[in-house]
Amino acid sequence: MTFSMIKQIIVAGLIIVIGLTGVGLAWADEGPPLGPRTIVVALDGTGDFQSLQEAVDAARKGDTVFVKAGQYAQDVTIHSKERIKFVGAGVDQVTILGRDIVVGALHVGKWPYGATDIEISDMTINDHGGHAVGLFNGQGLVLRRLTINGMLFSQQVHDVRIEDCRIGGSETTGVQFADSEAVMVGNVIHDNDHGVSIAGKSNVRLERNVITRSLFEAVVVSGHARATIVSNTLVKNGGGVAFLGQSQSDVTGNVVGLNGVGFLIAPSSQTTTSFNSFYNRDGDYLRPGNPNQPAPELRALSDITGDPSFIDPAHDDFRLRLDTPLLKIGRFPYLGALAPAASAVRR
C-alpha cells in the first residue's frame, strides 16, 4: 500500500470521526425535553397571548395558563388536554364574561373530546346565555376558589372536585349533575331556583357546604342518583332536600333550618337519615303529594329539633353560637358546615 493510499484512509477516517462527533454534538444541543411552562394571558399585550382560547390551545401537558387581571369578553373551551392548570390572578381581578354567540363562558371537555386532570382556580365566571360553566365528558377535574355567577352544569364527568367556590344567581339551578361523579366541599351556593340537582345515575358527595336562599329546594336527588349529604348547612330555602325517583341517599350531620320544609322523601327512594338538626316553618319530614303530606314517622331517633342558635341569620351569618345545642352530636364535634364562632379553624 502506497503512502498516498494510507493518507486517504486516514483522512476518510477523520472525516467519519468528525461527522459522528458532529452528530453527537447536535443531539447534545437539543437538550432534555422541555419542562412545564407558564403561559401568560394579558389583555394589554404584556403576556404571551391576549386570547384565552389561543393560550389554552398552546398549552401542553403539565403547563399552567395564568390569566392576568381584566374583564375578558371571551369564552374558552378546554378539551383534548391532559394535566393543565387554568389559573386567574384572583376572583376579584379576573372575570370571564363569554361572548355573544356562545352559551356559557367556560367549558371543560366537549363531545366527543374529553379533558383529563384539569385544575381551574382563582377567577370569576359569569353566566352567558343560560349557564356559566359546563363540564362535559371529562375526568379528574378540580374547580377551586371560583366565583360562578350562574349555573354550573356537568354531564358524564368523573372524579370532579368543587371546593371553596361561590355559586349563585342562576334562574334555574346553581349546580346540576347529570350522570356524573363529584365531590363538593366547602362551597357557598346561593340565590338560585334550586341549589344543587343530582340526577340520572350521578354519584355525588356534598360536604360542609352552605346552601341558602334557593326559591325551591336546596338539594334535589332524583332518578337513579346516589347522594351522600353530610355536614351541610341548608338554610332559608323553600325546602331542604327532596329525595325523588329511585334515588339512594345517606344524610347525616346537617343543619336544616329556616326553610319552608325540611326533607321531602318519596316512598320510591331509599333514604337513610341520622343526626340532623331541624328548625323549619311547615314541617321537617313530608311525603310528596298534592299537597305534600306530613310524615313524622320518618323522623330519625337521633334528630334534633329547635333553634340552632346561629350568630346572625338575618345577615346570613350561619356560624353557631357557643351556646348552640349542636355541639358533640354523635360522631360530629358540631353539626352543619360552619364551626362555632369562637373556633379559628373551619373543619
Protein backbone atom coordinates (compact mmCIF):
# COMPACT_ATOMS: atom_id res chain seq x y z
CA MET A 1 0.00 0.00 0.00
CA THR A 2 1.44 3.35 -1.06
CA PHE A 3 1.83 6.34 1.20
CA SER A 4 -0.85 8.15 -0.81
CA MET A 5 -3.39 5.37 -0.17
CA ILE A 6 -2.61 5.33 3.57
CA LYS A 7 -3.07 9.09 3.68
CA GLN A 8 -6.50 8.82 2.01
CA ILE A 9 -7.62 6.15 4.52
CA ILE A 10 -6.53 8.32 7.48
CA VAL A 11 -8.33 11.38 6.07
CA ALA A 12 -11.52 9.37 5.44
CA GLY A 13 -11.38 8.04 8.99
CA LEU A 14 -11.01 11.53 10.41
CA ILE A 15 -13.98 12.68 8.36
CA ILE A 16 -16.09 9.84 9.74
CA VAL A 17 -14.99 10.57 13.33
CA ILE A 18 -15.65 14.28 12.92
CA GLY A 19 -19.02 13.52 11.33
CA LEU A 20 -20.02 11.24 14.19
CA THR A 21 -18.80 13.76 16.71
CA GLY A 22 -20.82 16.42 14.97
CA VAL A 23 -23.94 14.26 15.16
CA GLY A 24 -23.29 13.70 18.85
CA LEU A 25 -22.95 17.43 19.41
CA ALA A 26 -26.18 18.06 17.53
CA TRP A 27 -28.02 15.61 19.79
CA ALA A 28 -26.47 17.31 22.83
CA ASP A 29 -27.62 20.71 21.56
CA GLU A 30 -31.24 19.51 21.58
CA GLY A 31 -31.08 19.08 25.37
CA PRO A 32 -33.63 17.32 27.60
CA PRO A 33 -37.38 17.62 26.90
CA LEU A 34 -38.86 20.97 27.88
CA GLY A 35 -40.43 21.11 31.38
CA PRO A 36 -43.75 22.63 32.41
CA ARG A 37 -44.30 26.21 31.27
CA THR A 38 -46.38 29.14 32.48
CA ILE A 39 -48.26 30.75 29.61
CA VAL A 40 -49.49 34.25 30.44
CA VAL A 41 -52.67 35.85 29.09
CA ALA A 42 -52.99 39.64 29.34
CA LEU A 43 -55.40 41.98 27.61
CA ASP A 44 -52.79 44.75 27.50
CA GLY A 45 -50.35 42.68 25.44
CA THR A 46 -47.82 42.14 28.23
CA GLY A 47 -48.33 38.35 28.20
CA ASP A 48 -47.82 35.60 25.66
CA PHE A 49 -51.41 35.86 24.39
CA GLN A 50 -54.40 38.18 24.59
CA SER A 51 -56.78 35.34 23.74
CA LEU A 52 -57.74 32.81 26.42
CA GLN A 53 -58.51 30.19 23.81
CA GLU A 54 -55.22 30.61 21.98
CA ALA A 55 -53.33 30.24 25.25
CA VAL A 56 -55.20 27.06 26.20
CA ASP A 57 -54.73 25.63 22.73
CA ALA A 58 -50.98 26.22 23.04
CA ALA A 59 -50.72 24.52 26.44
CA ARG A 60 -49.03 21.14 26.71
CA LYS A 61 -49.23 18.50 29.44
CA GLY A 62 -48.01 19.99 32.71
CA ASP A 63 -48.38 23.64 31.65
CA THR A 64 -50.13 26.44 33.55
CA VAL A 65 -52.15 29.12 31.79
CA PHE A 66 -52.06 32.20 34.03
CA VAL A 67 -54.66 34.90 33.38
CA LYS A 68 -53.75 38.43 34.41
CA ALA A 69 -56.29 40.91 35.73
CA GLY A 70 -59.05 42.03 33.40
CA GLN A 71 -62.62 41.66 32.13
CA TYR A 72 -62.41 39.07 29.35
CA ALA A 73 -65.30 39.34 26.88
CA GLN A 74 -64.32 35.89 25.64
CA ASP A 75 -65.28 32.28 26.12
CA VAL A 76 -62.86 29.37 26.45
CA THR A 77 -63.12 25.61 25.91
CA ILE A 78 -60.54 23.25 27.40
CA HIS A 79 -60.68 19.92 25.56
CA SER A 80 -58.32 17.20 24.36
CA LYS A 81 -55.93 18.34 27.10
CA GLU A 82 -54.30 16.50 29.99
CA ARG A 83 -52.87 17.84 33.25
CA ILE A 84 -53.01 21.59 32.71
CA LYS A 85 -53.91 24.40 35.12
CA PHE A 86 -56.02 27.41 34.21
CA VAL A 87 -55.38 29.98 36.95
CA GLY A 88 -56.54 33.55 37.37
CA ALA A 89 -54.94 36.40 39.31
CA GLY A 90 -57.87 36.29 41.77
CA VAL A 91 -61.67 36.16 41.89
CA ASP A 92 -61.80 39.94 42.33
CA GLN A 93 -59.36 40.59 39.49
CA VAL A 94 -60.28 38.25 36.62
CA THR A 95 -63.76 37.87 35.12
CA ILE A 96 -64.64 35.75 32.10
CA LEU A 97 -67.75 37.23 30.50
CA GLY A 98 -68.35 34.99 27.47
CA ARG A 99 -69.18 36.27 24.02
CA ASP A 100 -72.33 36.87 22.04
CA ILE A 101 -72.87 33.68 20.04
CA VAL A 102 -71.80 31.09 22.64
CA VAL A 103 -73.83 29.65 25.53
CA GLY A 104 -71.64 29.57 28.64
CA ALA A 105 -68.33 31.29 29.28
CA LEU A 106 -66.13 28.32 30.29
CA HIS A 107 -66.35 24.75 29.03
CA VAL A 108 -64.20 21.78 30.00
CA GLY A 109 -64.41 18.88 27.56
CA LYS A 110 -66.78 18.71 24.63
CA TRP A 111 -68.34 15.93 22.60
CA PRO A 112 -66.74 13.68 21.58
CA TYR A 113 -63.49 15.02 23.08
CA GLY A 114 -62.80 14.99 26.78
CA ALA A 115 -60.26 16.51 29.14
CA THR A 116 -58.29 14.88 31.96
CA ASP A 117 -56.69 16.25 35.13
CA ILE A 118 -57.63 19.89 34.63
CA GLU A 119 -57.48 22.40 37.51
CA ILE A 120 -59.27 25.76 37.32
CA SER A 121 -58.94 28.36 40.08
CA ASP A 122 -58.96 31.98 41.24
CA MET A 123 -61.29 33.78 38.84
CA THR A 124 -64.91 34.83 38.34
CA ILE A 125 -67.02 33.31 35.58
CA ASN A 126 -70.28 34.94 34.57
CA ASP A 127 -73.46 33.46 33.18
CA HIS A 128 -73.84 33.74 29.44
CA GLY A 129 -76.92 32.50 27.62
CA GLY A 130 -78.20 30.25 30.39
CA HIS A 131 -75.14 28.91 32.17
CA ALA A 132 -71.69 29.99 33.20
CA VAL A 133 -69.61 26.77 33.36
CA GLY A 134 -70.13 23.50 31.52
CA LEU A 135 -68.26 20.26 32.28
CA PHE A 136 -68.63 17.54 29.63
CA ASN A 137 -67.08 14.12 29.15
CA GLY A 138 -64.03 14.69 31.35
CA GLN A 139 -62.37 13.28 34.44
CA GLY A 140 -60.04 14.43 37.19
CA LEU A 141 -61.43 17.98 37.15
CA VAL A 142 -60.83 20.40 40.05
CA LEU A 143 -62.62 23.73 40.46
CA ARG A 144 -61.24 25.75 43.36
CA ARG A 145 -61.70 29.32 44.66
CA LEU A 146 -64.05 30.39 41.87
CA THR A 147 -66.98 32.76 41.86
CA ILE A 148 -69.55 31.44 39.40
CA ASN A 149 -72.39 33.85 38.67
CA GLY A 150 -74.87 31.46 37.09
CA MET A 151 -75.27 27.72 36.54
CA LEU A 152 -72.52 25.13 36.73
CA PHE A 153 -73.70 22.24 34.53
CA SER A 154 -71.99 18.85 34.32
CA GLN A 155 -72.75 15.80 32.21
CA GLN A 156 -70.90 12.49 32.15
CA VAL A 157 -67.87 13.73 34.08
CA HIS A 158 -66.00 11.71 36.69
CA ASP A 159 -63.68 12.37 39.62
CA VAL A 160 -64.73 16.02 39.90
CA ARG A 161 -63.91 18.12 42.96
CA ILE A 162 -65.50 21.52 43.56
CA GLU A 163 -64.25 23.35 46.63
CA ASP A 164 -64.24 26.80 48.20
CA CYS A 165 -66.38 28.29 45.43
CA ARG A 166 -69.31 30.72 45.48
CA ILE A 167 -72.01 29.71 43.02
CA GLY A 168 -75.22 31.66 42.65
CA GLY A 169 -77.64 33.81 40.73
CA SER A 170 -78.97 31.11 38.38
CA GLU A 171 -82.57 31.42 37.23
CA THR A 172 -82.75 27.63 37.29
CA THR A 173 -80.23 25.51 39.23
CA GLY A 174 -76.96 26.54 40.81
CA VAL A 175 -75.16 23.22 40.25
CA GLN A 176 -76.61 20.49 38.00
CA PHE A 177 -75.11 16.97 37.90
CA ALA A 178 -76.26 14.57 35.17
CA ASP A 179 -74.70 11.07 35.14
CA SER A 180 -71.63 12.42 36.90
CA GLU A 181 -69.37 11.60 39.86
CA ALA A 182 -68.33 14.51 42.04
CA VAL A 183 -67.46 15.84 45.48
CA MET A 184 -68.44 19.34 46.62
CA VAL A 185 -66.69 20.61 49.75
CA GLY A 186 -66.83 23.99 51.48
CA ASN A 187 -68.84 25.91 48.89
CA VAL A 188 -71.49 28.61 49.27
CA ILE A 189 -74.41 28.10 46.90
CA HIS A 190 -76.93 30.93 46.96
CA ASP A 191 -79.85 32.67 45.27
CA ASN A 192 -80.89 30.04 42.73
CA ASP A 193 -84.23 28.41 41.91
CA HIS A 194 -82.74 25.12 43.14
CA GLY A 195 -79.36 24.90 44.84
CA VAL A 196 -77.95 21.53 43.69
CA SER A 197 -79.62 18.94 41.44
CA ILE A 198 -78.22 15.39 41.41
CA ALA A 199 -79.89 13.48 38.59
CA GLY A 200 -79.65 10.47 36.29
CA LYS A 201 -77.05 7.99 37.51
CA SER A 202 -74.90 10.54 39.29
CA ASN A 203 -72.97 9.76 42.46
CA VAL A 204 -72.25 12.95 44.42
CA ARG A 205 -70.97 13.77 47.90
CA LEU A 206 -71.92 17.13 49.43
CA GLU A 207 -69.87 18.01 52.50
CA ARG A 208 -69.66 21.23 54.54
CA ASN A 209 -71.46 23.41 52.01
CA VAL A 210 -73.76 26.30 52.86
CA ILE A 211 -76.81 26.37 50.56
CA THR A 212 -79.10 29.33 51.08
CA ARG A 213 -81.87 31.42 49.53
CA SER A 214 -83.00 28.84 46.97
CA LEU A 215 -86.51 29.58 45.76
CA PHE A 216 -87.32 25.87 46.00
CA GLU A 217 -85.18 23.03 47.47
CA ALA A 218 -81.56 23.44 48.45
CA VAL A 219 -80.87 19.93 47.05
CA VAL A 220 -82.85 17.61 44.77
CA VAL A 221 -81.79 13.97 44.36
CA SER A 222 -83.71 12.21 41.58
CA GLY A 223 -83.65 9.40 39.02
CA HIS A 224 -81.23 6.62 39.99
CA ALA A 225 -78.75 9.02 41.55
CA ARG A 226 -76.78 8.34 44.74
CA ALA A 227 -76.00 11.11 47.19
CA THR A 228 -74.05 11.42 50.42
CA ILE A 229 -75.07 14.62 52.19
CA VAL A 230 -73.00 15.21 55.31
CA SER A 231 -72.35 18.27 57.49
CA ASN A 232 -74.06 20.88 55.34
CA THR A 233 -75.98 23.97 56.41
CA LEU A 234 -79.21 24.24 54.38
CA VAL A 235 -80.93 27.46 55.41
CA LYS A 236 -83.50 30.00 54.20
CA ASN A 237 -84.60 27.89 51.22
CA GLY A 238 -88.04 26.88 50.04
CA GLY A 239 -87.16 23.37 51.18
CA GLY A 240 -84.16 21.45 52.49
CA VAL A 241 -83.77 18.28 50.38
CA ALA A 242 -86.15 16.42 48.05
CA PHE A 243 -85.42 12.70 47.59
CA LEU A 244 -87.28 11.54 44.48
CA GLY A 245 -87.44 8.67 41.99
CA GLN A 246 -85.28 5.61 42.66
CA SER A 247 -82.53 7.66 44.29
CA GLN A 248 -80.42 6.39 47.20
CA SER A 249 -79.11 8.81 49.82
CA ASP A 250 -77.29 8.83 53.14
CA VAL A 251 -77.94 12.08 55.01
CA THR A 252 -76.25 12.87 58.31
CA GLY A 253 -74.88 15.72 60.41
CA ASN A 254 -76.71 18.54 58.59
CA VAL A 255 -78.41 21.67 59.87
CA VAL A 256 -81.71 22.09 58.00
CA GLY A 257 -83.30 25.26 59.29
CA LEU A 258 -85.29 28.38 58.47
CA ASN A 259 -86.71 26.68 55.36
CA GLY A 260 -90.31 26.12 54.39
CA VAL A 261 -89.91 22.37 54.94
CA GLY A 262 -87.06 20.03 55.83
CA PHE A 263 -86.98 16.72 53.90
CA LEU A 264 -89.41 15.63 51.18
CA ILE A 265 -88.99 11.86 50.79
CA ALA A 266 -90.69 9.85 48.05
CA PRO A 267 -91.64 6.26 49.02
CA SER A 268 -89.76 5.02 45.93
CA SER A 269 -86.45 6.46 47.17
CA GLN A 270 -84.08 4.82 49.63
CA THR A 271 -83.10 7.48 52.13
CA THR A 272 -81.20 6.98 55.39
CA THR A 273 -81.01 9.89 57.84
CA SER A 274 -79.31 10.43 61.20
CA PHE A 275 -78.09 13.23 63.48
CA ASN A 276 -79.72 16.05 61.52
CA SER A 277 -80.94 19.28 63.11
CA PHE A 278 -84.31 20.74 62.04
CA TYR A 279 -85.91 24.14 62.52
CA ASN A 280 -88.40 24.72 59.70
CA ARG A 281 -91.69 26.52 59.25
CA ASP A 282 -94.04 23.90 57.71
CA GLY A 283 -92.64 20.57 58.87
CA ASP A 284 -89.45 18.56 58.89
CA TYR A 285 -90.50 15.35 57.07
CA LEU A 286 -93.04 15.15 54.25
CA ARG A 287 -94.19 12.74 51.55
CA PRO A 288 -94.81 14.08 48.02
CA GLY A 289 -98.45 14.74 47.23
CA ASN A 290 -100.86 17.45 46.21
CA PRO A 291 -100.43 18.94 48.68
CA ASN A 292 -97.41 17.27 50.28
CA GLN A 293 -98.28 15.19 53.32
CA PRO A 294 -96.62 15.35 56.75
CA ALA A 295 -94.67 12.16 57.52
CA PRO A 296 -93.45 12.41 61.14
CA GLU A 297 -92.95 8.62 61.19
CA LEU A 298 -89.85 9.14 59.03
CA ARG A 299 -88.12 11.09 61.75
CA ALA A 300 -84.86 9.52 62.96
CA LEU A 301 -84.45 8.98 66.68
CA SER A 302 -81.15 10.86 66.55
CA ASP A 303 -82.70 14.03 65.09
CA ILE A 304 -82.50 17.32 66.97
CA THR A 305 -85.21 19.95 66.69
CA GLY A 306 -85.25 23.58 67.74
CA ASP A 307 -83.35 26.80 67.15
CA PRO A 308 -79.74 26.01 66.13
CA SER A 309 -78.52 29.34 67.56
CA PHE A 310 -76.87 30.96 64.56
CA ILE A 311 -74.79 34.09 65.15
CA ASP A 312 -76.87 36.38 62.90
CA PRO A 313 -79.13 34.58 60.43
CA ALA A 314 -80.80 37.81 59.33
CA HIS A 315 -77.47 38.86 57.84
CA ASP A 316 -76.51 35.36 56.64
CA ASP A 317 -74.01 34.63 59.41
CA PHE A 318 -74.80 30.95 59.92
CA ARG A 319 -71.97 30.16 62.28
CA LEU A 320 -73.12 28.56 65.51
CA ARG A 321 -73.02 30.42 68.81
CA LEU A 322 -71.08 28.89 71.67
CA ASP A 323 -74.35 28.11 73.44
CA THR A 324 -75.71 26.12 70.48
CA PRO A 325 -77.22 22.71 71.28
CA LEU A 326 -75.49 21.29 68.20
CA LEU A 327 -72.07 20.52 69.70
CA LYS A 328 -70.73 16.98 70.19
CA ILE A 329 -73.61 15.21 68.49
CA GLY A 330 -72.89 11.59 67.56
CA ARG A 331 -69.52 11.50 65.86
CA PHE A 332 -69.67 15.19 64.99
CA PRO A 333 -67.89 17.91 67.00
CA TYR A 334 -70.67 20.17 65.70
CA LEU A 335 -73.48 19.87 63.17
CA GLY A 336 -73.56 21.74 59.88
CA ALA A 337 -70.90 23.31 57.71
CA LEU A 338 -69.54 26.11 59.90
CA ALA A 339 -67.63 25.83 63.13
CA PRO A 340 -68.83 27.72 66.22
CA ALA A 341 -67.84 31.38 66.18
CA ALA A 342 -65.02 31.08 68.70
CA SER A 343 -63.24 28.41 66.61
CA ALA A 344 -60.50 29.78 64.38
CA VAL A 345 -60.45 26.70 62.18
CA ARG A 346 -63.18 25.71 59.76
CA ARG A 347 -63.42 21.93 59.78
